[in-house]
mmCIF file of all heavy atoms, coordinates in Angstrom:
data_MODEL
# 
_entry.id   MODEL 
# 
loop_
_atom_site.group_PDB 
_atom_site.id 
_atom_site.type_symbol 
_atom_site.label_atom_id 
_atom_site.label_alt_id 
_atom_site.label_comp_id 
_atom_site.label_asym_id 
_atom_site.label_entity_id 
_atom_site.label_seq_id 
_atom_site.pdbx_PDB_ins_code 
_atom_site.Cartn_x 
_atom_site.Cartn_y 
_atom_site.Cartn_z 
_atom_site.occupancy 
_atom_site.B_iso_or_equiv 
_atom_site.pdbx_formal_charge 
_atom_site.auth_seq_id 
_atom_site.auth_comp_id 
_atom_site.auth_asym_id 
_atom_site.auth_atom_id 
_atom_site.pdbx_PDB_model_num 
ATOM 1   N N   . ALA A 1 1  ? -5.164  3.158   -7.717  1.00 0.00 ? 1  ALA A N   1 
ATOM 2   C CA  . ALA A 1 1  ? -6.522  3.319   -8.054  1.00 0.00 ? 1  ALA A CA  1 
ATOM 3   C C   . ALA A 1 1  ? -7.120  4.507   -7.402  1.00 0.00 ? 1  ALA A C   1 
ATOM 4   O O   . ALA A 1 1  ? -6.719  4.835   -6.284  1.00 0.00 ? 1  ALA A O   1 
ATOM 5   C CB  . ALA A 1 1  ? -7.386  2.033   -7.685  1.00 0.00 ? 1  ALA A CB  1 
ATOM 6   N N   . ASP A 1 2  ? -8.036  5.156   -8.083  1.00 0.00 ? 2  ASP A N   1 
ATOM 7   C CA  . ASP A 1 2  ? -8.589  6.396   -7.539  1.00 0.00 ? 2  ASP A CA  1 
ATOM 8   C C   . ASP A 1 2  ? -9.256  6.120   -6.216  1.00 0.00 ? 2  ASP A C   1 
ATOM 9   O O   . ASP A 1 2  ? -9.210  7.024   -5.330  1.00 0.00 ? 2  ASP A O   1 
ATOM 10  C CB  . ASP A 1 2  ? -9.602  7.012   -8.492  1.00 0.00 ? 2  ASP A CB  1 
ATOM 11  C CG  . ASP A 1 2  ? -8.937  7.639   -9.728  1.00 0.00 ? 2  ASP A CG  1 
ATOM 12  O OD1 . ASP A 1 2  ? -7.723  7.936   -9.684  1.00 0.00 ? 2  ASP A OD1 1 
ATOM 13  O OD2 . ASP A 1 2  ? -9.643  7.878   -10.695 1.00 0.00 ? 2  ASP A OD2 1 
ATOM 14  N N   . SER A 1 3  ? -9.830  5.012   -6.038  1.00 0.00 ? 3  SER A N   1 
ATOM 15  C CA  . SER A 1 3  ? -10.601 4.696   -4.808  1.00 0.00 ? 3  SER A CA  1 
ATOM 16  C C   . SER A 1 3  ? -9.647  4.590   -3.567  1.00 0.00 ? 3  SER A C   1 
ATOM 17  O O   . SER A 1 3  ? -10.201 4.570   -2.443  1.00 0.00 ? 3  SER A O   1 
ATOM 18  C CB  . SER A 1 3  ? -11.387 3.396   -5.003  1.00 0.00 ? 3  SER A CB  1 
ATOM 19  O OG  . SER A 1 3  ? -10.511 2.336   -5.294  1.00 0.00 ? 3  SER A OG  1 
ATOM 20  N N   . VAL A 1 4  ? -8.365  4.368   -3.768  1.00 0.00 ? 4  VAL A N   1 
ATOM 21  C CA  . VAL A 1 4  ? -7.458  4.188   -2.586  1.00 0.00 ? 4  VAL A CA  1 
ATOM 22  C C   . VAL A 1 4  ? -6.456  5.277   -2.411  1.00 0.00 ? 4  VAL A C   1 
ATOM 23  O O   . VAL A 1 4  ? -5.722  5.223   -1.471  1.00 0.00 ? 4  VAL A O   1 
ATOM 24  C CB  . VAL A 1 4  ? -6.820  2.775   -2.655  1.00 0.00 ? 4  VAL A CB  1 
ATOM 25  C CG1 . VAL A 1 4  ? -7.797  1.680   -2.863  1.00 0.00 ? 4  VAL A CG1 1 
ATOM 26  C CG2 . VAL A 1 4  ? -5.738  2.794   -3.778  1.00 0.00 ? 4  VAL A CG2 1 
ATOM 27  N N   . LYS A 1 5  ? -6.435  6.204   -3.360  1.00 0.00 ? 5  LYS A N   1 
ATOM 28  C CA  . LYS A 1 5  ? -5.433  7.312   -3.174  1.00 0.00 ? 5  LYS A CA  1 
ATOM 29  C C   . LYS A 1 5  ? -5.589  8.073   -1.881  1.00 0.00 ? 5  LYS A C   1 
ATOM 30  O O   . LYS A 1 5  ? -6.763  8.442   -1.514  1.00 0.00 ? 5  LYS A O   1 
ATOM 31  C CB  . LYS A 1 5  ? -5.639  8.284   -4.415  1.00 0.00 ? 5  LYS A CB  1 
ATOM 32  C CG  . LYS A 1 5  ? -5.051  7.704   -5.741  1.00 0.00 ? 5  LYS A CG  1 
ATOM 33  C CD  . LYS A 1 5  ? -5.249  8.736   -6.791  1.00 0.00 ? 5  LYS A CD  1 
ATOM 34  C CE  . LYS A 1 5  ? -4.664  8.207   -8.124  1.00 0.00 ? 5  LYS A CE  1 
ATOM 35  N NZ  . LYS A 1 5  ? -4.827  9.169   -9.311  1.00 0.00 ? 5  LYS A NZ  1 
ATOM 36  N N   . GLY A 1 6  ? -4.569  8.294   -1.279  1.00 0.00 ? 6  GLY A N   1 
ATOM 37  C CA  . GLY A 1 6  ? -4.533  8.949   0.016   1.00 0.00 ? 6  GLY A CA  1 
ATOM 38  C C   . GLY A 1 6  ? -4.737  8.063   1.201   1.00 0.00 ? 6  GLY A C   1 
ATOM 39  O O   . GLY A 1 6  ? -4.559  8.503   2.357   1.00 0.00 ? 6  GLY A O   1 
ATOM 40  N N   . ARG A 1 7  ? -5.124  6.783   0.970   1.00 0.00 ? 7  ARG A N   1 
ATOM 41  C CA  . ARG A 1 7  ? -5.327  5.873   2.044   1.00 0.00 ? 7  ARG A CA  1 
ATOM 42  C C   . ARG A 1 7  ? -4.349  4.752   2.027   1.00 0.00 ? 7  ARG A C   1 
ATOM 43  O O   . ARG A 1 7  ? -3.992  4.212   3.092   1.00 0.00 ? 7  ARG A O   1 
ATOM 44  C CB  . ARG A 1 7  ? -6.786  5.317   1.959   1.00 0.00 ? 7  ARG A CB  1 
ATOM 45  C CG  . ARG A 1 7  ? -7.906  6.346   2.072   1.00 0.00 ? 7  ARG A CG  1 
ATOM 46  C CD  . ARG A 1 7  ? -9.234  5.713   2.227   1.00 0.00 ? 7  ARG A CD  1 
ATOM 47  N NE  . ARG A 1 7  ? -9.624  4.954   1.015   1.00 0.00 ? 7  ARG A NE  1 
ATOM 48  C CZ  . ARG A 1 7  ? -9.809  3.683   1.019   1.00 0.00 ? 7  ARG A CZ  1 
ATOM 49  N NH1 . ARG A 1 7  ? -9.848  2.963   2.159   1.00 0.00 ? 7  ARG A NH1 1 
ATOM 50  N NH2 . ARG A 1 7  ? -10.181 3.023   -0.092  1.00 0.00 ? 7  ARG A NH2 1 
ATOM 51  N N   . PHE A 1 8  ? -3.967  4.261   0.848   1.00 0.00 ? 8  PHE A N   1 
ATOM 52  C CA  . PHE A 1 8  ? -3.051  3.164   0.672   1.00 0.00 ? 8  PHE A CA  1 
ATOM 53  C C   . PHE A 1 8  ? -1.657  3.657   0.228   1.00 0.00 ? 8  PHE A C   1 
ATOM 54  O O   . PHE A 1 8  ? -1.543  4.586   -0.515  1.00 0.00 ? 8  PHE A O   1 
ATOM 55  C CB  . PHE A 1 8  ? -3.578  2.174   -0.319  1.00 0.00 ? 8  PHE A CB  1 
ATOM 56  C CG  . PHE A 1 8  ? -4.853  1.409   0.037   1.00 0.00 ? 8  PHE A CG  1 
ATOM 57  C CD1 . PHE A 1 8  ? -5.525  1.728   1.121   1.00 0.00 ? 8  PHE A CD1 1 
ATOM 58  C CD2 . PHE A 1 8  ? -5.192  0.333   -0.727  1.00 0.00 ? 8  PHE A CD2 1 
ATOM 59  C CE1 . PHE A 1 8  ? -6.627  1.028   1.462   1.00 0.00 ? 8  PHE A CE1 1 
ATOM 60  C CE2 . PHE A 1 8  ? -6.383  -0.358  -0.351  1.00 0.00 ? 8  PHE A CE2 1 
ATOM 61  C CZ  . PHE A 1 8  ? -7.132  -0.016  0.752   1.00 0.00 ? 8  PHE A CZ  1 
ATOM 62  N N   . THR A 1 9  ? -0.656  2.908   0.645   1.00 0.00 ? 9  THR A N   1 
ATOM 63  C CA  . THR A 1 9  ? 0.731   3.231   0.250   1.00 0.00 ? 9  THR A CA  1 
ATOM 64  C C   . THR A 1 9  ? 1.402   1.943   -0.132  1.00 0.00 ? 9  THR A C   1 
ATOM 65  O O   . THR A 1 9  ? 1.472   0.989   0.703   1.00 0.00 ? 9  THR A O   1 
ATOM 66  C CB  . THR A 1 9  ? 1.484   3.973   1.320   1.00 0.00 ? 9  THR A CB  1 
ATOM 67  O OG1 . THR A 1 9  ? 0.803   5.162   1.748   1.00 0.00 ? 9  THR A OG1 1 
ATOM 68  C CG2 . THR A 1 9  ? 2.863   4.300   0.904   1.00 0.00 ? 9  THR A CG2 1 
ATOM 69  N N   . ILE A 1 10 ? 1.942   1.898   -1.261  1.00 0.00 ? 10 ILE A N   1 
ATOM 70  C CA  . ILE A 1 10 ? 2.768   0.784   -1.756  1.00 0.00 ? 10 ILE A CA  1 
ATOM 71  C C   . ILE A 1 10 ? 4.254   1.023   -1.526  1.00 0.00 ? 10 ILE A C   1 
ATOM 72  O O   . ILE A 1 10 ? 4.738   2.188   -1.746  1.00 0.00 ? 10 ILE A O   1 
ATOM 73  C CB  . ILE A 1 10 ? 2.449   0.314   -3.144  1.00 0.00 ? 10 ILE A CB  1 
ATOM 74  C CG1 . ILE A 1 10 ? 3.058   -1.038  -3.518  1.00 0.00 ? 10 ILE A CG1 1 
ATOM 75  C CG2 . ILE A 1 10 ? 2.882   1.450   -4.169  1.00 0.00 ? 10 ILE A CG2 1 
ATOM 76  C CD1 . ILE A 1 10 ? 2.554   -1.617  -4.804  1.00 0.00 ? 10 ILE A CD1 1 
ATOM 77  N N   . SER A 1 11 ? 5.032   0.091   -1.118  1.00 0.00 ? 11 SER A N   1 
ATOM 78  C CA  . SER A 1 11 ? 6.444   0.228   -0.954  1.00 0.00 ? 11 SER A CA  1 
ATOM 79  C C   . SER A 1 11 ? 7.064   -1.127  -1.172  1.00 0.00 ? 11 SER A C   1 
ATOM 80  O O   . SER A 1 11 ? 6.457   -2.170  -1.332  1.00 0.00 ? 11 SER A O   1 
ATOM 81  C CB  . SER A 1 11 ? 6.760   0.741   0.474   1.00 0.00 ? 11 SER A CB  1 
ATOM 82  O OG  . SER A 1 11 ? 6.338   -0.173  1.506   1.00 0.00 ? 11 SER A OG  1 
ATOM 83  N N   . ARG A 1 12 ? 8.443   -1.110  -1.320  1.00 0.00 ? 12 ARG A N   1 
ATOM 84  C CA  . ARG A 1 12 ? 9.147   -2.325  -1.555  1.00 0.00 ? 12 ARG A CA  1 
ATOM 85  C C   . ARG A 1 12 ? 10.482  -2.391  -0.814  1.00 0.00 ? 12 ARG A C   1 
ATOM 86  O O   . ARG A 1 12 ? 10.953  -1.294  -0.510  1.00 0.00 ? 12 ARG A O   1 
ATOM 87  C CB  . ARG A 1 12 ? 9.382   -2.511  -3.052  1.00 0.00 ? 12 ARG A CB  1 
ATOM 88  C CG  . ARG A 1 12 ? 10.362  -1.549  -3.673  1.00 0.00 ? 12 ARG A CG  1 
ATOM 89  C CD  . ARG A 1 12 ? 10.613  -1.814  -5.132  1.00 0.00 ? 12 ARG A CD  1 
ATOM 90  N NE  . ARG A 1 12 ? 11.747  -1.126  -5.601  1.00 0.00 ? 12 ARG A NE  1 
ATOM 91  C CZ  . ARG A 1 12 ? 11.662  0.116   -6.194  1.00 0.00 ? 12 ARG A CZ  1 
ATOM 92  N NH1 . ARG A 1 12 ? 10.539  0.659   -6.356  1.00 0.00 ? 12 ARG A NH1 1 
ATOM 93  N NH2 . ARG A 1 12 ? 12.818  0.700   -6.635  1.00 0.00 ? 12 ARG A NH2 1 
ATOM 94  N N   . ASP A 1 13 ? 10.937  -3.620  -0.602  1.00 0.00 ? 13 ASP A N   1 
ATOM 95  C CA  . ASP A 1 13 ? 12.300  -3.787  -0.047  1.00 0.00 ? 13 ASP A CA  1 
ATOM 96  C C   . ASP A 1 13 ? 12.988  -4.634  -1.066  1.00 0.00 ? 13 ASP A C   1 
ATOM 97  O O   . ASP A 1 13 ? 12.821  -5.813  -1.120  1.00 0.00 ? 13 ASP A O   1 
ATOM 98  C CB  . ASP A 1 13 ? 12.179  -4.504  1.322   1.00 0.00 ? 13 ASP A CB  1 
ATOM 99  C CG  . ASP A 1 13 ? 13.557  -4.618  1.990   1.00 0.00 ? 13 ASP A CG  1 
ATOM 100 O OD1 . ASP A 1 13 ? 14.579  -4.679  1.269   1.00 0.00 ? 13 ASP A OD1 1 
ATOM 101 O OD2 . ASP A 1 13 ? 13.574  -4.717  3.246   1.00 0.00 ? 13 ASP A OD2 1 
ATOM 102 N N   . ASN A 1 14 ? 13.837  -3.958  -1.888  1.00 0.00 ? 14 ASN A N   1 
ATOM 103 C CA  . ASN A 1 14 ? 14.501  -4.721  -2.898  1.00 0.00 ? 14 ASN A CA  1 
ATOM 104 C C   . ASN A 1 14 ? 15.403  -5.855  -2.408  1.00 0.00 ? 14 ASN A C   1 
ATOM 105 O O   . ASN A 1 14 ? 15.533  -6.894  -3.073  1.00 0.00 ? 14 ASN A O   1 
ATOM 106 C CB  . ASN A 1 14 ? 15.311  -3.706  -3.773  1.00 0.00 ? 14 ASN A CB  1 
ATOM 107 C CG  . ASN A 1 14 ? 14.452  -2.877  -4.626  1.00 0.00 ? 14 ASN A CG  1 
ATOM 108 O OD1 . ASN A 1 14 ? 13.283  -3.166  -4.972  1.00 0.00 ? 14 ASN A OD1 1 
ATOM 109 N ND2 . ASN A 1 14 ? 14.946  -1.709  -4.937  1.00 0.00 ? 14 ASN A ND2 1 
ATOM 110 N N   . ALA A 1 15 ? 16.076  -5.617  -1.230  1.00 0.00 ? 15 ALA A N   1 
ATOM 111 C CA  . ALA A 1 15 ? 16.974  -6.577  -0.730  1.00 0.00 ? 15 ALA A CA  1 
ATOM 112 C C   . ALA A 1 15 ? 16.217  -7.854  -0.359  1.00 0.00 ? 15 ALA A C   1 
ATOM 113 O O   . ALA A 1 15 ? 16.830  -8.929  -0.420  1.00 0.00 ? 15 ALA A O   1 
ATOM 114 C CB  . ALA A 1 15 ? 17.704  -6.022  0.457   1.00 0.00 ? 15 ALA A CB  1 
ATOM 115 N N   . LYS A 1 16 ? 14.988  -7.737  0.112   1.00 0.00 ? 16 LYS A N   1 
ATOM 116 C CA  . LYS A 1 16 ? 14.229  -8.923  0.441   1.00 0.00 ? 16 LYS A CA  1 
ATOM 117 C C   . LYS A 1 16 ? 13.234  -9.392  -0.591  1.00 0.00 ? 16 LYS A C   1 
ATOM 118 O O   . LYS A 1 16 ? 12.485  -10.321 -0.364  1.00 0.00 ? 16 LYS A O   1 
ATOM 119 C CB  . LYS A 1 16 ? 13.462  -8.617  1.753   1.00 0.00 ? 16 LYS A CB  1 
ATOM 120 C CG  . LYS A 1 16 ? 14.233  -8.308  2.965   1.00 0.00 ? 16 LYS A CG  1 
ATOM 121 C CD  . LYS A 1 16 ? 13.456  -7.970  4.172   1.00 0.00 ? 16 LYS A CD  1 
ATOM 122 C CE  . LYS A 1 16 ? 14.294  -7.692  5.388   1.00 0.00 ? 16 LYS A CE  1 
ATOM 123 N NZ  . LYS A 1 16 ? 13.507  -7.446  6.605   1.00 0.00 ? 16 LYS A NZ  1 
ATOM 124 N N   . ASN A 1 17 ? 13.234  -8.706  -1.757  1.00 0.00 ? 17 ASN A N   1 
ATOM 125 C CA  . ASN A 1 17 ? 12.286  -9.018  -2.849  1.00 0.00 ? 17 ASN A CA  1 
ATOM 126 C C   . ASN A 1 17 ? 10.840  -9.002  -2.312  1.00 0.00 ? 17 ASN A C   1 
ATOM 127 O O   . ASN A 1 17 ? 10.074  -9.964  -2.557  1.00 0.00 ? 17 ASN A O   1 
ATOM 128 C CB  . ASN A 1 17 ? 12.636  -10.356 -3.493  1.00 0.00 ? 17 ASN A CB  1 
ATOM 129 C CG  . ASN A 1 17 ? 13.916  -10.263 -4.265  1.00 0.00 ? 17 ASN A CG  1 
ATOM 130 O OD1 . ASN A 1 17 ? 14.205  -9.312  -4.915  1.00 0.00 ? 17 ASN A OD1 1 
ATOM 131 N ND2 . ASN A 1 17 ? 14.664  -11.350 -4.285  1.00 0.00 ? 17 ASN A ND2 1 
ATOM 132 N N   . THR A 1 18 ? 10.512  -8.060  -1.493  1.00 0.00 ? 18 THR A N   1 
ATOM 133 C CA  . THR A 1 18 ? 9.249   -7.942  -0.911  1.00 0.00 ? 18 THR A CA  1 
ATOM 134 C C   . THR A 1 18 ? 8.536   -6.636  -1.235  1.00 0.00 ? 18 THR A C   1 
ATOM 135 O O   . THR A 1 18 ? 9.206   -5.598  -1.246  1.00 0.00 ? 18 THR A O   1 
ATOM 136 C CB  . THR A 1 18 ? 9.366   -8.122  0.681   1.00 0.00 ? 18 THR A CB  1 
ATOM 137 O OG1 . THR A 1 18 ? 10.011  -9.425  0.965   1.00 0.00 ? 18 THR A OG1 1 
ATOM 138 C CG2 . THR A 1 18 ? 8.022   -8.075  1.361   1.00 0.00 ? 18 THR A CG2 1 
ATOM 139 N N   . VAL A 1 19 ? 7.284   -6.681  -1.429  1.00 0.00 ? 19 VAL A N   1 
ATOM 140 C CA  . VAL A 1 19 ? 6.420   -5.547  -1.670  1.00 0.00 ? 19 VAL A CA  1 
ATOM 141 C C   . VAL A 1 19 ? 5.374   -5.520  -0.556  1.00 0.00 ? 19 VAL A C   1 
ATOM 142 O O   . VAL A 1 19 ? 4.892   -6.504  -0.099  1.00 0.00 ? 19 VAL A O   1 
ATOM 143 C CB  . VAL A 1 19 ? 5.824   -5.526  -3.060  1.00 0.00 ? 19 VAL A CB  1 
ATOM 144 C CG1 . VAL A 1 19 ? 4.844   -6.692  -3.273  1.00 0.00 ? 19 VAL A CG1 1 
ATOM 145 C CG2 . VAL A 1 19 ? 5.115   -4.239  -3.351  1.00 0.00 ? 19 VAL A CG2 1 
ATOM 146 N N   . TYR A 1 20 ? 5.070   -4.243  -0.126  1.00 0.00 ? 20 TYR A N   1 
ATOM 147 C CA  . TYR A 1 20 ? 4.059   -4.090  0.945   1.00 0.00 ? 20 TYR A CA  1 
ATOM 148 C C   . TYR A 1 20 ? 2.919   -3.144  0.465   1.00 0.00 ? 20 TYR A C   1 
ATOM 149 O O   . TYR A 1 20 ? 3.091   -2.366  -0.430  1.00 0.00 ? 20 TYR A O   1 
ATOM 150 C CB  . TYR A 1 20 ? 4.799   -3.433  2.142   1.00 0.00 ? 20 TYR A CB  1 
ATOM 151 C CG  . TYR A 1 20 ? 5.934   -4.120  2.678   1.00 0.00 ? 20 TYR A CG  1 
ATOM 152 C CD1 . TYR A 1 20 ? 7.232   -3.778  2.206   1.00 0.00 ? 20 TYR A CD1 1 
ATOM 153 C CD2 . TYR A 1 20 ? 5.908   -5.195  3.586   1.00 0.00 ? 20 TYR A CD2 1 
ATOM 154 C CE1 . TYR A 1 20 ? 8.369   -4.466  2.666   1.00 0.00 ? 20 TYR A CE1 1 
ATOM 155 C CE2 . TYR A 1 20 ? 6.989   -5.800  4.067   1.00 0.00 ? 20 TYR A CE2 1 
ATOM 156 C CZ  . TYR A 1 20 ? 8.216   -5.477  3.598   1.00 0.00 ? 20 TYR A CZ  1 
ATOM 157 O OH  . TYR A 1 20 ? 9.345   -6.069  4.006   1.00 0.00 ? 20 TYR A OH  1 
ATOM 158 N N   . LEU A 1 21 ? 1.845   -3.315  1.118   1.00 0.00 ? 21 LEU A N   1 
ATOM 159 C CA  . LEU A 1 21 ? 0.723   -2.449  0.850   1.00 0.00 ? 21 LEU A CA  1 
ATOM 160 C C   . LEU A 1 21 ? 0.178   -1.988  2.246   1.00 0.00 ? 21 LEU A C   1 
ATOM 161 O O   . LEU A 1 21 ? -0.426  -2.841  2.965   1.00 0.00 ? 21 LEU A O   1 
ATOM 162 C CB  . LEU A 1 21 ? -0.432  -3.075  0.015   1.00 0.00 ? 21 LEU A CB  1 
ATOM 163 C CG  . LEU A 1 21 ? -1.572  -2.157  -0.278  1.00 0.00 ? 21 LEU A CG  1 
ATOM 164 C CD1 . LEU A 1 21 ? -1.097  -1.065  -1.272  1.00 0.00 ? 21 LEU A CD1 1 
ATOM 165 C CD2 . LEU A 1 21 ? -2.709  -2.950  -0.902  1.00 0.00 ? 21 LEU A CD2 1 
ATOM 166 N N   . GLN A 1 22 ? 0.465   -0.775  2.605   1.00 0.00 ? 22 GLN A N   1 
ATOM 167 C CA  . GLN A 1 22 ? -0.116  -0.281  3.854   1.00 0.00 ? 22 GLN A CA  1 
ATOM 168 C C   . GLN A 1 22 ? -1.531  0.328   3.600   1.00 0.00 ? 22 GLN A C   1 
ATOM 169 O O   . GLN A 1 22 ? -1.674  1.186   2.711   1.00 0.00 ? 22 GLN A O   1 
ATOM 170 C CB  . GLN A 1 22 ? 0.781   0.858   4.415   1.00 0.00 ? 22 GLN A CB  1 
ATOM 171 C CG  . GLN A 1 22 ? 0.294   1.488   5.652   1.00 0.00 ? 22 GLN A CG  1 
ATOM 172 C CD  . GLN A 1 22 ? 0.262   0.575   6.879   1.00 0.00 ? 22 GLN A CD  1 
ATOM 173 O OE1 . GLN A 1 22 ? 1.207   -0.107  7.062   1.00 0.00 ? 22 GLN A OE1 1 
ATOM 174 N NE2 . GLN A 1 22 ? -0.840  0.578   7.587   1.00 0.00 ? 22 GLN A NE2 1 
ATOM 175 N N   . MET A 1 23 ? -2.539  -0.235  4.231   1.00 0.00 ? 23 MET A N   1 
ATOM 176 C CA  . MET A 1 23 ? -3.886  0.195   3.955   1.00 0.00 ? 23 MET A CA  1 
ATOM 177 C C   . MET A 1 23 ? -4.415  0.878   5.214   1.00 0.00 ? 23 MET A C   1 
ATOM 178 O O   . MET A 1 23 ? -4.544  0.248   6.288   1.00 0.00 ? 23 MET A O   1 
ATOM 179 C CB  . MET A 1 23 ? -4.706  -1.014  3.617   1.00 0.00 ? 23 MET A CB  1 
ATOM 180 C CG  . MET A 1 23 ? -4.235  -1.750  2.440   1.00 0.00 ? 23 MET A CG  1 
ATOM 181 S SD  . MET A 1 23 ? -5.296  -3.097  1.928   1.00 0.00 ? 23 MET A SD  1 
ATOM 182 C CE  . MET A 1 23 ? -5.199  -4.180  3.363   1.00 0.00 ? 23 MET A CE  1 
ATOM 183 N N   . ASN A 1 24 ? -4.737  2.155   5.137   1.00 0.00 ? 24 ASN A N   1 
ATOM 184 C CA  . ASN A 1 24 ? -5.283  2.914   6.259   1.00 0.00 ? 24 ASN A CA  1 
ATOM 185 C C   . ASN A 1 24 ? -6.737  3.369   5.877   1.00 0.00 ? 24 ASN A C   1 
ATOM 186 O O   . ASN A 1 24 ? -7.155  3.377   4.762   1.00 0.00 ? 24 ASN A O   1 
ATOM 187 C CB  . ASN A 1 24 ? -4.421  4.146   6.543   1.00 0.00 ? 24 ASN A CB  1 
ATOM 188 C CG  . ASN A 1 24 ? -3.028  3.827   6.875   1.00 0.00 ? 24 ASN A CG  1 
ATOM 189 O OD1 . ASN A 1 24 ? -2.790  2.827   7.634   1.00 0.00 ? 24 ASN A OD1 1 
ATOM 190 N ND2 . ASN A 1 24 ? -2.102  4.624   6.558   1.00 0.00 ? 24 ASN A ND2 1 
ATOM 191 N N   . SER A 1 25 ? -7.386  3.789   6.943   1.00 0.00 ? 25 SER A N   1 
ATOM 192 C CA  . SER A 1 25 ? -8.822  4.285   6.788   1.00 0.00 ? 25 SER A CA  1 
ATOM 193 C C   . SER A 1 25 ? -9.580  3.328   5.945   1.00 0.00 ? 25 SER A C   1 
ATOM 194 O O   . SER A 1 25 ? -10.360 3.693   5.033   1.00 0.00 ? 25 SER A O   1 
ATOM 195 C CB  . SER A 1 25 ? -8.778  5.672   6.140   1.00 0.00 ? 25 SER A CB  1 
ATOM 196 O OG  . SER A 1 25 ? -8.024  6.561   6.892   1.00 0.00 ? 25 SER A OG  1 
ATOM 197 N N   . LEU A 1 26 ? -9.509  2.060   6.268   1.00 0.00 ? 26 LEU A N   1 
ATOM 198 C CA  . LEU A 1 26 ? -10.240 1.051   5.515   1.00 0.00 ? 26 LEU A CA  1 
ATOM 199 C C   . LEU A 1 26 ? -11.723 1.221   5.535   1.00 0.00 ? 26 LEU A C   1 
ATOM 200 O O   . LEU A 1 26 ? -12.361 1.609   6.530   1.00 0.00 ? 26 LEU A O   1 
ATOM 201 C CB  . LEU A 1 26 ? -9.855  -0.304  6.042   1.00 0.00 ? 26 LEU A CB  1 
ATOM 202 C CG  . LEU A 1 26 ? -8.430  -0.758  5.548   1.00 0.00 ? 26 LEU A CG  1 
ATOM 203 C CD1 . LEU A 1 26 ? -7.907  -1.847  6.442   1.00 0.00 ? 26 LEU A CD1 1 
ATOM 204 C CD2 . LEU A 1 26 ? -8.492  -1.208  4.085   1.00 0.00 ? 26 LEU A CD2 1 
ATOM 205 N N   . LYS A 1 27 ? -12.337 0.900   4.396   1.00 0.00 ? 27 LYS A N   1 
ATOM 206 C CA  . LYS A 1 27 ? -13.772 1.007   4.185   1.00 0.00 ? 27 LYS A CA  1 
ATOM 207 C C   . LYS A 1 27 ? -14.326 -0.384  3.888   1.00 0.00 ? 27 LYS A C   1 
ATOM 208 O O   . LYS A 1 27 ? -13.612 -1.243  3.331   1.00 0.00 ? 27 LYS A O   1 
ATOM 209 C CB  . LYS A 1 27 ? -14.096 1.944   3.100   1.00 0.00 ? 27 LYS A CB  1 
ATOM 210 C CG  . LYS A 1 27 ? -13.565 3.368   3.259   1.00 0.00 ? 27 LYS A CG  1 
ATOM 211 C CD  . LYS A 1 27 ? -13.853 4.106   1.972   1.00 0.00 ? 27 LYS A CD  1 
ATOM 212 C CE  . LYS A 1 27 ? -13.231 5.577   2.037   1.00 0.00 ? 27 LYS A CE  1 
ATOM 213 N NZ  . LYS A 1 27 ? -13.529 6.335   0.852   1.00 0.00 ? 27 LYS A NZ  1 
ATOM 214 N N   . PRO A 1 28 ? -15.610 -0.618  4.147   1.00 0.00 ? 28 PRO A N   1 
ATOM 215 C CA  . PRO A 1 28 ? -16.196 -1.930  3.757   1.00 0.00 ? 28 PRO A CA  1 
ATOM 216 C C   . PRO A 1 28 ? -16.036 -2.213  2.243   1.00 0.00 ? 28 PRO A C   1 
ATOM 217 O O   . PRO A 1 28 ? -15.916 -3.331  1.909   1.00 0.00 ? 28 PRO A O   1 
ATOM 218 C CB  . PRO A 1 28 ? -17.656 -1.708  4.086   1.00 0.00 ? 28 PRO A CB  1 
ATOM 219 C CG  . PRO A 1 28 ? -17.718 -0.743  5.239   1.00 0.00 ? 28 PRO A CG  1 
ATOM 220 C CD  . PRO A 1 28 ? -16.552 0.208   4.881   1.00 0.00 ? 28 PRO A CD  1 
# 
């Protein structure tokens, strides 16, 4: 989403069937 570009990063671990969302510079 435009509102999170540059702040959030999505990644995955296929071996663990897990997806992550790293959220930085969080805003209210």
